[in-house]
Amino acid sequence: MLSTSWTPGGAGAAGLEGLLRQAQEQQRRLADFQRQRAELRVTGESPDGLVQVTVDGDMKVGDIEINARAMRLDSFALAESLQAAIDAAYSAHADRQRELVEEMVGGADLVRQAEAGKVTPEEWFKHFGVDLKDPLRRLRG
């Protein structure tokens, strides 16, 4: 039978305080992630170096810089150069956002394993101190 009763000052209270501390830490990490993501600005450059594109944290294109030498290109070549710079900016954004997520969850290896489907939900949550099989275990003491 499952018992969820605990007495203040007992092991259950200590478990609850620990869970509260963990929740506060996760909340702080998430707030840091959201702030850094909002401030994110990355630039991608075309392989020929004639076009640079900057995207923000929401992946919106901001600045586009076109070198004067690019005006000598035909419209097709200029479009290719512009598309390559946009692709490079989006790729740099994805890389930086992945780094921010890794910092937030505390490990690049864990994120890579999760992306590859090699980490179960139970293992993911266990990394953060949550036992999905018995989530109230720490409260019972």
N, C-alpha and C. Protein backbone atom coordinates (compact mmCIF):
# COMPACT_ATOMS: atom_id res chain seq x y z
N MET A 1 0.84 -1.17 0.00
CA MET A 1 0.00 0.00 0.00
C MET A 1 0.89 1.24 0.00
N LEU A 2 0.47 2.24 -0.78
CA LEU A 2 1.24 3.47 -0.91
C LEU A 2 0.87 4.43 0.20
N SER A 3 1.87 4.92 0.91
CA SER A 3 1.65 5.89 1.97
C SER A 3 2.33 7.18 1.59
N THR A 4 1.59 8.27 1.62
CA THR A 4 2.17 9.57 1.28
C THR A 4 2.24 10.48 2.48
N SER A 5 2.01 9.94 3.68
CA SER A 5 2.05 10.79 4.86
C SER A 5 3.48 11.00 5.32
N TRP A 6 3.75 12.16 5.86
CA TRP A 6 5.05 12.46 6.42
C TRP A 6 4.87 13.48 7.52
N THR A 7 5.85 13.51 8.39
CA THR A 7 5.76 14.45 9.50
C THR A 7 6.79 15.54 9.31
N PRO A 8 6.43 16.80 9.62
CA PRO A 8 7.40 17.89 9.48
C PRO A 8 8.66 17.58 10.27
N GLY A 9 9.79 17.83 9.66
CA GLY A 9 11.07 17.60 10.33
C GLY A 9 11.58 16.19 10.13
N GLY A 10 10.75 15.29 9.59
CA GLY A 10 11.17 13.92 9.36
C GLY A 10 11.86 13.78 8.01
N ALA A 11 12.11 12.54 7.62
CA ALA A 11 12.78 12.28 6.35
C ALA A 11 11.95 12.78 5.19
N GLY A 12 10.62 12.70 5.32
CA GLY A 12 9.75 13.19 4.25
C GLY A 12 9.92 14.67 4.01
N ALA A 13 10.05 15.44 5.08
CA ALA A 13 10.24 16.88 4.94
C ALA A 13 11.57 17.18 4.26
N ALA A 14 12.61 16.44 4.62
CA ALA A 14 13.92 16.64 4.00
C ALA A 14 13.84 16.31 2.51
N GLY A 15 13.09 15.25 2.20
CA GLY A 15 12.92 14.88 0.79
C GLY A 15 12.18 15.95 0.02
N LEU A 16 11.17 16.52 0.64
CA LEU A 16 10.40 17.58 0.00
C LEU A 16 11.26 18.82 -0.21
N GLU A 17 12.08 19.16 0.79
CA GLU A 17 12.98 20.30 0.65
C GLU A 17 13.98 20.07 -0.48
N GLY A 18 14.46 18.84 -0.60
CA GLY A 18 15.39 18.51 -1.68
C GLY A 18 14.73 18.65 -3.04
N LEU A 19 13.49 18.17 -3.15
CA LEU A 19 12.77 18.31 -4.40
C LEU A 19 12.54 19.78 -4.74
N LEU A 20 12.23 20.58 -3.73
CA LEU A 20 12.02 22.01 -3.94
C LEU A 20 13.30 22.68 -4.44
N ARG A 21 14.44 22.32 -3.83
CA ARG A 21 15.72 22.88 -4.28
C ARG A 21 16.01 22.50 -5.73
N GLN A 22 15.74 21.22 -6.06
CA GLN A 22 15.97 20.77 -7.43
C GLN A 22 15.07 21.53 -8.41
N ALA A 23 13.82 21.71 -8.04
CA ALA A 23 12.89 22.44 -8.91
C ALA A 23 13.34 23.88 -9.10
N GLN A 24 13.81 24.51 -8.03
CA GLN A 24 14.29 25.88 -8.14
C GLN A 24 15.53 25.97 -9.03
N GLU A 25 16.42 25.00 -8.92
CA GLU A 25 17.62 24.97 -9.75
C GLU A 25 17.24 24.79 -11.22
N GLN A 26 16.32 23.88 -11.49
CA GLN A 26 15.87 23.67 -12.87
C GLN A 26 15.20 24.92 -13.42
N GLN A 27 14.43 25.59 -12.59
CA GLN A 27 13.76 26.82 -13.00
C GLN A 27 14.81 27.90 -13.33
N ARG A 28 15.86 27.99 -12.53
CA ARG A 28 16.93 28.95 -12.79
C ARG A 28 17.63 28.63 -14.11
N ARG A 29 17.92 27.35 -14.33
CA ARG A 29 18.59 26.95 -15.57
C ARG A 29 17.71 27.26 -16.79
N LEU A 30 16.41 27.00 -16.67
CA LEU A 30 15.50 27.28 -17.77
C LEU A 30 15.44 28.77 -18.05
N ALA A 31 15.38 29.59 -17.00
CA ALA A 31 15.35 31.05 -17.18
C ALA A 31 16.64 31.53 -17.86
N ASP A 32 17.79 30.96 -17.46
CA ASP A 32 19.07 31.32 -18.10
C ASP A 32 19.05 30.94 -19.59
N PHE A 33 18.54 29.74 -19.87
CA PHE A 33 18.44 29.29 -21.26
C PHE A 33 17.57 30.24 -22.08
N GLN A 34 16.41 30.58 -21.55
CA GLN A 34 15.49 31.46 -22.28
C GLN A 34 16.11 32.84 -22.51
N ARG A 35 16.82 33.35 -21.52
CA ARG A 35 17.47 34.66 -21.67
C ARG A 35 18.56 34.59 -22.74
N GLN A 36 19.41 33.57 -22.66
CA GLN A 36 20.50 33.45 -23.62
C GLN A 36 19.97 33.22 -25.03
N ARG A 37 18.90 32.45 -25.14
CA ARG A 37 18.30 32.21 -26.46
C ARG A 37 17.73 33.50 -27.03
N ALA A 38 17.09 34.30 -26.19
CA ALA A 38 16.52 35.57 -26.65
C ALA A 38 17.61 36.53 -27.12
N GLU A 39 18.78 36.48 -26.49
CA GLU A 39 19.89 37.37 -26.83
C GLU A 39 20.75 36.83 -27.97
N LEU A 40 20.46 35.62 -28.41
CA LEU A 40 21.29 34.95 -29.41
C LEU A 40 21.27 35.69 -30.76
N ARG A 41 22.44 35.88 -31.31
CA ARG A 41 22.61 36.44 -32.66
C ARG A 41 23.81 35.71 -33.27
N VAL A 42 23.56 35.05 -34.39
CA VAL A 42 24.64 34.32 -35.08
C VAL A 42 24.68 34.74 -36.54
N THR A 43 25.86 34.66 -37.12
CA THR A 43 26.06 35.08 -38.50
C THR A 43 26.56 33.91 -39.33
N GLY A 44 26.00 33.81 -40.52
CA GLY A 44 26.46 32.82 -41.49
C GLY A 44 27.00 33.53 -42.71
N GLU A 45 27.97 32.91 -43.34
CA GLU A 45 28.61 33.53 -44.51
C GLU A 45 28.58 32.57 -45.68
N SER A 46 28.39 33.11 -46.87
CA SER A 46 28.42 32.28 -48.07
C SER A 46 29.84 31.78 -48.31
N PRO A 47 29.99 30.64 -48.98
CA PRO A 47 31.33 30.10 -49.23
C PRO A 47 32.25 31.07 -49.98
N ASP A 48 31.66 31.91 -50.83
CA ASP A 48 32.49 32.86 -51.58
C ASP A 48 32.82 34.11 -50.76
N GLY A 49 32.23 34.22 -49.56
CA GLY A 49 32.51 35.34 -48.67
C GLY A 49 31.85 36.65 -49.07
N LEU A 50 30.94 36.60 -50.03
CA LEU A 50 30.33 37.83 -50.54
C LEU A 50 29.06 38.23 -49.80
N VAL A 51 28.45 37.29 -49.08
CA VAL A 51 27.19 37.58 -48.38
C VAL A 51 27.28 37.07 -46.95
N GLN A 52 26.82 37.91 -46.01
CA GLN A 52 26.71 37.52 -44.61
C GLN A 52 25.28 37.78 -44.15
N VAL A 53 24.73 36.81 -43.41
CA VAL A 53 23.36 36.93 -42.89
C VAL A 53 23.39 36.67 -41.40
N THR A 54 22.70 37.51 -40.63
CA THR A 54 22.60 37.35 -39.19
C THR A 54 21.17 36.99 -38.83
N VAL A 55 21.01 35.97 -37.96
CA VAL A 55 19.68 35.60 -37.46
C VAL A 55 19.68 35.77 -35.95
N ASP A 56 18.47 36.03 -35.41
CA ASP A 56 18.34 36.23 -33.96
C ASP A 56 17.87 34.94 -33.28
N GLY A 57 17.57 35.03 -32.00
CA GLY A 57 17.17 33.86 -31.23
C GLY A 57 15.91 33.19 -31.71
N ASP A 58 15.05 33.94 -32.40
CA ASP A 58 13.81 33.38 -32.96
C ASP A 58 14.00 32.91 -34.40
N MET A 59 15.26 32.88 -34.85
CA MET A 59 15.63 32.47 -36.21
C MET A 59 15.08 33.41 -37.27
N LYS A 60 14.90 34.66 -36.91
CA LYS A 60 14.48 35.66 -37.88
C LYS A 60 15.72 36.31 -38.48
N VAL A 61 15.70 36.44 -39.79
CA VAL A 61 16.83 37.08 -40.47
C VAL A 61 16.84 38.55 -40.10
N GLY A 62 17.99 39.01 -39.65
CA GLY A 62 18.15 40.41 -39.28
C GLY A 62 18.97 41.13 -40.33
N ASP A 63 20.25 41.18 -40.11
CA ASP A 63 21.15 41.89 -41.02
C ASP A 63 21.54 41.01 -42.21
N ILE A 64 21.58 41.65 -43.37
CA ILE A 64 22.11 41.01 -44.58
C ILE A 64 23.16 41.96 -45.14
N GLU A 65 24.38 41.47 -45.23
CA GLU A 65 25.46 42.29 -45.79
C GLU A 65 25.91 41.67 -47.10
N ILE A 66 25.88 42.48 -48.14
CA ILE A 66 26.29 42.02 -49.46
C ILE A 66 27.50 42.84 -49.89
N ASN A 67 28.59 42.15 -50.12
CA ASN A 67 29.82 42.80 -50.57
C ASN A 67 29.59 43.41 -51.96
N ALA A 68 30.17 44.55 -52.20
CA ALA A 68 30.00 45.23 -53.49
C ALA A 68 30.43 44.34 -54.66
N ARG A 69 31.40 43.47 -54.44
CA ARG A 69 31.83 42.56 -55.52
C ARG A 69 30.72 41.61 -55.94
N ALA A 70 29.75 41.36 -55.05
CA ALA A 70 28.65 40.46 -55.38
C ALA A 70 27.75 41.04 -56.47
N MET A 71 27.79 42.35 -56.66
CA MET A 71 26.96 42.98 -57.68
C MET A 71 27.41 42.62 -59.10
N ARG A 72 28.59 42.06 -59.20
CA ARG A 72 29.09 41.61 -60.51
C ARG A 72 28.53 40.24 -60.89
N LEU A 73 27.94 39.56 -59.90
CA LEU A 73 27.38 38.23 -60.16
C LEU A 73 26.06 38.35 -60.90
N ASP A 74 25.72 37.30 -61.65
CA ASP A 74 24.37 37.28 -62.24
C ASP A 74 23.37 36.98 -61.14
N SER A 75 22.10 37.16 -61.40
CA SER A 75 21.07 37.02 -60.37
C SER A 75 21.04 35.60 -59.79
N PHE A 76 21.28 34.59 -60.61
CA PHE A 76 21.28 33.21 -60.14
C PHE A 76 22.42 32.98 -59.14
N ALA A 77 23.60 33.43 -59.47
CA ALA A 77 24.76 33.26 -58.58
C ALA A 77 24.58 34.04 -57.29
N LEU A 78 24.02 35.25 -57.38
CA LEU A 78 23.77 36.05 -56.18
C LEU A 78 22.75 35.36 -55.28
N ALA A 79 21.70 34.80 -55.88
CA ALA A 79 20.68 34.08 -55.11
C ALA A 79 21.29 32.87 -54.41
N GLU A 80 22.16 32.15 -55.11
CA GLU A 80 22.84 30.99 -54.50
C GLU A 80 23.70 31.42 -53.33
N SER A 81 24.42 32.51 -53.48
CA SER A 81 25.28 33.01 -52.42
C SER A 81 24.46 33.44 -51.21
N LEU A 82 23.34 34.11 -51.47
CA LEU A 82 22.45 34.54 -50.38
C LEU A 82 21.86 33.32 -49.67
N GLN A 83 21.41 32.32 -50.42
CA GLN A 83 20.83 31.13 -49.80
C GLN A 83 21.88 30.38 -48.98
N ALA A 84 23.10 30.31 -49.47
CA ALA A 84 24.16 29.63 -48.72
C ALA A 84 24.45 30.35 -47.40
N ALA A 85 24.42 31.68 -47.41
CA ALA A 85 24.65 32.44 -46.18
C ALA A 85 23.51 32.22 -45.19
N ILE A 86 22.27 32.19 -45.68
CA ILE A 86 21.12 31.93 -44.80
C ILE A 86 21.23 30.54 -44.20
N ASP A 87 21.55 29.54 -45.03
CA ASP A 87 21.71 28.17 -44.53
C ASP A 87 22.81 28.10 -43.47
N ALA A 88 23.91 28.79 -43.70
CA ALA A 88 25.01 28.79 -42.74
C ALA A 88 24.59 29.44 -41.42
N ALA A 89 23.80 30.50 -41.50
CA ALA A 89 23.32 31.17 -40.29
C ALA A 89 22.38 30.26 -39.51
N TYR A 90 21.47 29.59 -40.21
CA TYR A 90 20.55 28.67 -39.53
C TYR A 90 21.30 27.51 -38.89
N SER A 91 22.31 27.01 -39.58
CA SER A 91 23.12 25.92 -39.04
C SER A 91 23.87 26.37 -37.78
N ALA A 92 24.44 27.58 -37.84
CA ALA A 92 25.15 28.11 -36.66
C ALA A 92 24.18 28.33 -35.50
N HIS A 93 22.96 28.76 -35.82
CA HIS A 93 21.94 28.95 -34.78
C HIS A 93 21.61 27.61 -34.12
N ALA A 94 21.40 26.57 -34.93
CA ALA A 94 21.08 25.25 -34.38
C ALA A 94 22.21 24.74 -33.50
N ASP A 95 23.46 24.93 -33.94
CA ASP A 95 24.61 24.49 -33.15
C ASP A 95 24.66 25.22 -31.81
N ARG A 96 24.46 26.53 -31.84
CA ARG A 96 24.53 27.31 -30.60
C ARG A 96 23.37 26.96 -29.67
N GLN A 97 22.19 26.76 -30.25
CA GLN A 97 21.05 26.40 -29.41
C GLN A 97 21.26 25.03 -28.76
N ARG A 98 21.86 24.11 -29.50
CA ARG A 98 22.17 22.79 -28.93
C ARG A 98 23.14 22.94 -27.76
N GLU A 99 24.14 23.81 -27.92
CA GLU A 99 25.08 24.07 -26.83
C GLU A 99 24.36 24.62 -25.60
N LEU A 100 23.41 25.53 -25.82
CA LEU A 100 22.66 26.10 -24.70
C LEU A 100 21.83 25.03 -23.99
N VAL A 101 21.22 24.14 -24.76
CA VAL A 101 20.44 23.05 -24.16
C VAL A 101 21.37 22.13 -23.36
N GLU A 102 22.53 21.84 -23.91
CA GLU A 102 23.49 20.98 -23.20
C GLU A 102 23.91 21.61 -21.88
N GLU A 103 24.13 22.93 -21.89
CA GLU A 103 24.47 23.63 -20.65
C GLU A 103 23.31 23.55 -19.66
N MET A 104 22.08 23.67 -20.17
CA MET A 104 20.92 23.68 -19.29
C MET A 104 20.72 22.31 -18.63
N VAL A 105 20.86 21.24 -19.40
CA VAL A 105 20.60 19.91 -18.84
C VAL A 105 21.84 19.29 -18.23
N GLY A 106 22.98 19.92 -18.43
CA GLY A 106 24.18 19.46 -17.74
C GLY A 106 24.93 18.35 -18.43
N GLY A 107 24.91 18.29 -19.74
CA GLY A 107 25.74 17.29 -20.39
C GLY A 107 25.45 17.10 -21.86
N ALA A 108 26.49 17.23 -22.67
CA ALA A 108 26.36 17.05 -24.11
C ALA A 108 26.08 15.60 -24.44
N ASP A 109 26.69 14.69 -23.70
CA ASP A 109 26.53 13.27 -23.98
C ASP A 109 25.07 12.85 -23.80
N LEU A 110 24.44 13.34 -22.75
CA LEU A 110 23.04 13.00 -22.49
C LEU A 110 22.15 13.50 -23.62
N VAL A 111 22.39 14.71 -24.10
CA VAL A 111 21.59 15.27 -25.19
C VAL A 111 21.78 14.46 -26.47
N ARG A 112 23.03 14.12 -26.80
CA ARG A 112 23.29 13.32 -28.00
C ARG A 112 22.61 11.96 -27.92
N GLN A 113 22.67 11.34 -26.76
CA GLN A 113 22.03 10.04 -26.59
C GLN A 113 20.51 10.15 -26.73
N ALA A 114 19.94 11.21 -26.19
CA ALA A 114 18.49 11.41 -26.30
C ALA A 114 18.10 11.65 -27.76
N GLU A 115 18.88 12.45 -28.47
CA GLU A 115 18.59 12.70 -29.89
C GLU A 115 18.67 11.42 -30.70
N ALA A 116 19.55 10.53 -30.33
CA ALA A 116 19.71 9.26 -31.05
C ALA A 116 18.71 8.21 -30.59
N GLY A 117 17.88 8.54 -29.62
CA GLY A 117 16.90 7.59 -29.11
C GLY A 117 17.50 6.52 -28.22
N LYS A 118 18.68 6.78 -27.67
CA LYS A 118 19.37 5.79 -26.85
C LYS A 118 19.12 5.98 -25.36
N VAL A 119 18.34 7.00 -25.00
CA VAL A 119 18.04 7.26 -23.60
C VAL A 119 16.53 7.12 -23.41
N THR A 120 16.14 6.31 -22.47
CA THR A 120 14.71 6.16 -22.18
C THR A 120 14.23 7.36 -21.36
N PRO A 121 12.92 7.61 -21.34
CA PRO A 121 12.41 8.69 -20.48
C PRO A 121 12.82 8.50 -19.02
N GLU A 122 12.83 7.25 -18.56
CA GLU A 122 13.22 6.98 -17.17
C GLU A 122 14.66 7.40 -16.92
N GLU A 123 15.55 7.08 -17.87
CA GLU A 123 16.96 7.45 -17.71
C GLU A 123 17.14 8.97 -17.76
N TRP A 124 16.40 9.63 -18.65
CA TRP A 124 16.49 11.09 -18.77
C TRP A 124 16.11 11.75 -17.45
N PHE A 125 14.96 11.36 -16.89
CA PHE A 125 14.51 11.97 -15.64
C PHE A 125 15.39 11.58 -14.46
N LYS A 126 15.92 10.36 -14.49
CA LYS A 126 16.81 9.92 -13.41
C LYS A 126 18.05 10.81 -13.33
N HIS A 127 18.51 11.30 -14.49
CA HIS A 127 19.65 12.23 -14.53
C HIS A 127 19.38 13.46 -13.68
N PHE A 128 18.11 13.85 -13.58
CA PHE A 128 17.73 15.03 -12.81
C PHE A 128 17.21 14.67 -11.42
N GLY A 129 17.39 13.41 -11.03
CA GLY A 129 16.99 13.00 -9.69
C GLY A 129 15.54 12.62 -9.54
N VAL A 130 14.85 12.35 -10.65
CA VAL A 130 13.44 11.98 -10.60
C VAL A 130 13.31 10.51 -10.96
N ASP A 131 12.72 9.74 -10.07
CA ASP A 131 12.51 8.32 -10.30
C ASP A 131 11.07 8.14 -10.78
N LEU A 132 10.89 7.91 -12.09
CA LEU A 132 9.54 7.79 -12.64
C LEU A 132 8.82 6.54 -12.14
N LYS A 133 9.58 5.53 -11.74
CA LYS A 133 8.96 4.30 -11.26
C LYS A 133 8.39 4.48 -9.87
N ASP A 134 8.99 5.35 -9.08
CA ASP A 134 8.52 5.60 -7.72
C ASP A 134 8.77 7.07 -7.37
N PRO A 135 7.98 8.00 -7.95
CA PRO A 135 8.25 9.42 -7.77
C PRO A 135 8.10 9.92 -6.34
N LEU A 136 7.38 9.19 -5.50
CA LEU A 136 7.16 9.63 -4.12
C LEU A 136 8.14 9.00 -3.14
N ARG A 137 9.06 8.19 -3.66
CA ARG A 137 10.02 7.48 -2.80
C ARG A 137 10.75 8.42 -1.86
N ARG A 138 11.20 9.55 -2.35
CA ARG A 138 11.99 10.47 -1.52
C ARG A 138 11.13 11.15 -0.46
N LEU A 139 9.86 11.26 -0.70
CA LEU A 139 8.98 11.90 0.28
C LEU A 139 8.68 10.96 1.46
N ARG A 140 8.64 9.68 1.17
CA ARG A 140 8.32 8.72 2.23
C ARG A 140 9.49 8.53 3.19
N GLY A 141 10.70 8.82 2.69
CA GLY A 141 11.90 8.71 3.53
C GLY A 141 12.23 7.36 3.87
